[in-house]
C-alpha atoms as a PDB file:
ATOM      1  CA  MET A   1       8.232  -3.350  -9.819  1.00  0.00           C
ATOM      2  CA  SER A   2      10.306  -6.482  -9.695  1.00  0.00           C
ATOM      3  CA  GLU A   3       8.758  -9.612  -8.323  1.00  0.00           C
ATOM      4  CA  CYS A   4       9.497 -10.263  -4.674  1.00  0.00           C
ATOM      5  CA  LYS A   5       9.847 -13.772  -3.301  1.00  0.00           C
ATOM      6  CA  LEU A   6       8.907 -12.720   0.242  1.00  0.00           C
ATOM      7  CA  ASN A   7       5.399 -12.961   1.578  1.00  0.00           C
ATOM      8  CA  HIS A   8       4.488  -9.872   3.547  1.00  0.00           C
ATOM      9  CA  SER A   9       2.262 -10.199   6.583  1.00  0.00           C
ATOM     10  CA  LYS A  10      -0.576  -7.957   7.623  1.00  0.00           C
ATOM     11  CA  HIS A  11       1.798  -6.650  10.291  1.00  0.00           C
ATOM     12  CA  ASP A  12       4.339  -5.749   7.568  1.00  0.00           C
ATOM     13  CA  ILE A  13       1.616  -3.853   5.719  1.00  0.00           C
ATOM     14  CA  GLN A  14       0.613  -1.981   8.861  1.00  0.00           C
ATOM     15  CA  ASN A  15       4.224  -0.998   9.559  1.00  0.00           C
ATOM     16  CA  LYS A  16       4.833   0.142   5.992  1.00  0.00           C
ATOM     17  CA  TYR A  17       1.553   2.055   5.993  1.00  0.00           C
ATOM     18  CA  ASP A  18       2.506   3.745   9.283  1.00  0.00           C
ATOM     19  CA  GLN A  19       5.803   4.841   7.729  1.00  0.00           C
ATOM     20  CA  GLN A  20       4.179   6.228   4.591  1.00  0.00           C
ATOM     21  CA  GLN A  21       0.762   7.478   5.681  1.00  0.00           C
ATOM     22  CA  GLU A  22       1.789  11.135   5.981  1.00  0.00           C
ATOM     23  CA  TYR A  23       2.688  11.082   2.266  1.00  0.00           C
ATOM     24  CA  LEU A  24      -0.523   9.406   1.121  1.00  0.00           C
ATOM     25  CA  PRO A  25      -3.580  11.417   0.081  1.00  0.00           C
ATOM     26  CA  GLU A  26      -6.428  11.480   2.595  1.00  0.00           C
ATOM     27  CA  GLU A  27      -8.754   9.456   0.365  1.00  0.00           C
ATOM     28  CA  VAL A  28      -6.258   6.575   0.326  1.00  0.00           C
ATOM     29  CA  ARG A  29      -5.634   6.794   4.084  1.00  0.00           C
ATOM     30  CA  GLU A  30      -9.382   6.567   4.787  1.00  0.00           C
ATOM     31  CA  LEU A  31      -9.696   3.422   2.669  1.00  0.00           C
ATOM     32  CA  PHE A  32      -6.769   1.797   4.441  1.00  0.00           C
ATOM     33  CA  GLN A  33      -8.472   1.827   7.816  1.00  0.00           C
ATOM     34  CA  VAL A  34     -11.188  -0.483   6.501  1.00  0.00           C
ATOM     35  CA  PHE A  35      -8.758  -2.556   4.434  1.00  0.00           C
ATOM     36  CA  LEU A  36      -6.490  -3.304   7.390  1.00  0.00           C
ATOM     37  CA  ASN A  37      -9.390  -4.664   9.432  1.00  0.00           C
ATOM     38  CA  LYS A  38     -10.175  -7.416   6.898  1.00  0.00           C
ATOM     39  CA  GLU A  39      -8.445 -10.575   5.734  1.00  0.00           C
ATOM     40  CA  HIS A  40      -6.850 -10.588   2.274  1.00  0.00           C
ATOM     41  CA  PRO A  41      -5.080 -13.064  -0.007  1.00  0.00           C
ATOM     42  CA  GLN A  42      -1.298 -13.164   0.228  1.00  0.00           C
ATOM     43  CA  SER A  43      -0.915 -11.802  -3.299  1.00  0.00           C
ATOM     44  CA  THR A  44      -2.929  -8.710  -2.339  1.00  0.00           C
ATOM     45  CA  LEU A  45      -0.803  -8.115   0.752  1.00  0.00           C
ATOM     46  CA  ASN A  46       2.374  -8.413  -1.299  1.00  0.00           C
ATOM     47  CA  THR A  47       1.088  -5.976  -3.914  1.00  0.00           C
ATOM     48  CA  ILE A  48       0.034  -3.422  -1.308  1.00  0.00           C
ATOM     49  CA  PHE A  49       3.393  -3.675   0.436  1.00  0.00           C
ATOM     50  CA  HIS A  50       5.256  -2.912  -2.780  1.00  0.00           C
ATOM     51  CA  LEU A  51       2.967  -0.030  -3.689  1.00  0.00           C
ATOM     52  CA  LEU A  52       3.708   1.521  -0.294  1.00  0.00           C
ATOM     53  CA  LYS A  53       7.430   0.737  -0.359  1.00  0.00           C
ATOM     54  CA  LYS A  54       9.458   3.929  -0.921  1.00  0.00           C
ATOM     55  CA  TYR A  55       6.256   5.804  -1.765  1.00  0.00           C
ATOM     56  CA  ASP A  56       7.715   8.956  -0.218  1.00  0.00           C
ATOM     57  CA  LEU A  57      10.712   8.832  -2.579  1.00  0.00           C
ATOM     58  CA  ALA A  58       8.674   8.313  -5.753  1.00  0.00           C
ATOM     59  CA  GLU A  59       8.122  11.123  -8.225  1.00  0.00           C
ATOM     60  CA  SER A  60       4.708  12.738  -8.202  1.00  0.00           C
ATOM     61  CA  SER A  61       3.580  10.926 -11.378  1.00  0.00           C
ATOM     62  CA  GLU A  62       4.603   7.598  -9.849  1.00  0.00           C
ATOM     63  CA  GLN A  63       2.788   8.437  -6.613  1.00  0.00           C
ATOM     64  CA  GLN A  64      -0.349   9.206  -8.615  1.00  0.00           C
ATOM     65  CA  ARG A  65      -0.092   5.858 -10.428  1.00  0.00           C
ATOM     66  CA  ARG A  66       0.329   4.066  -7.117  1.00  0.00           C
ATOM     67  CA  ASN A  67      -2.598   5.991  -5.606  1.00  0.00           C
ATOM     68  CA  GLU A  68      -4.862   4.741  -8.377  1.00  0.00           C
ATOM     69  CA  GLN A  69      -3.711   1.158  -7.885  1.00  0.00           C
ATOM     70  CA  LEU A  70      -4.071   1.416  -4.108  1.00  0.00           C
ATOM     71  CA  LYS A  71      -7.616   2.782  -4.426  1.00  0.00           C
ATOM     72  CA  GLU A  72      -8.580  -0.062  -6.770  1.00  0.00           C
ATOM     73  CA  ILE A  73      -7.247  -2.697  -4.404  1.00  0.00           C
ATOM     74  CA  VAL A  74      -8.320  -1.351  -1.029  1.00  0.00           C
ATOM     75  CA  CYS A  75     -11.754  -0.182  -2.083  1.00  0.00           C
END
């Protein structure tokens, strides 16, 4: 992923999650509910946003890689 100069808000994360949640595995969706109710550093929010961005268009191997990263971060 290329580095983004924008800072993504918690609201941005929620919107992106809402767009992609049907494509995410259940175990990741369950973790997100807890994650979204807590405060996080800006760098974490930016990383999460980019892992969710275009998730539905990613190949299965890329989705699996992102799932692992998402689980590490949101757990």
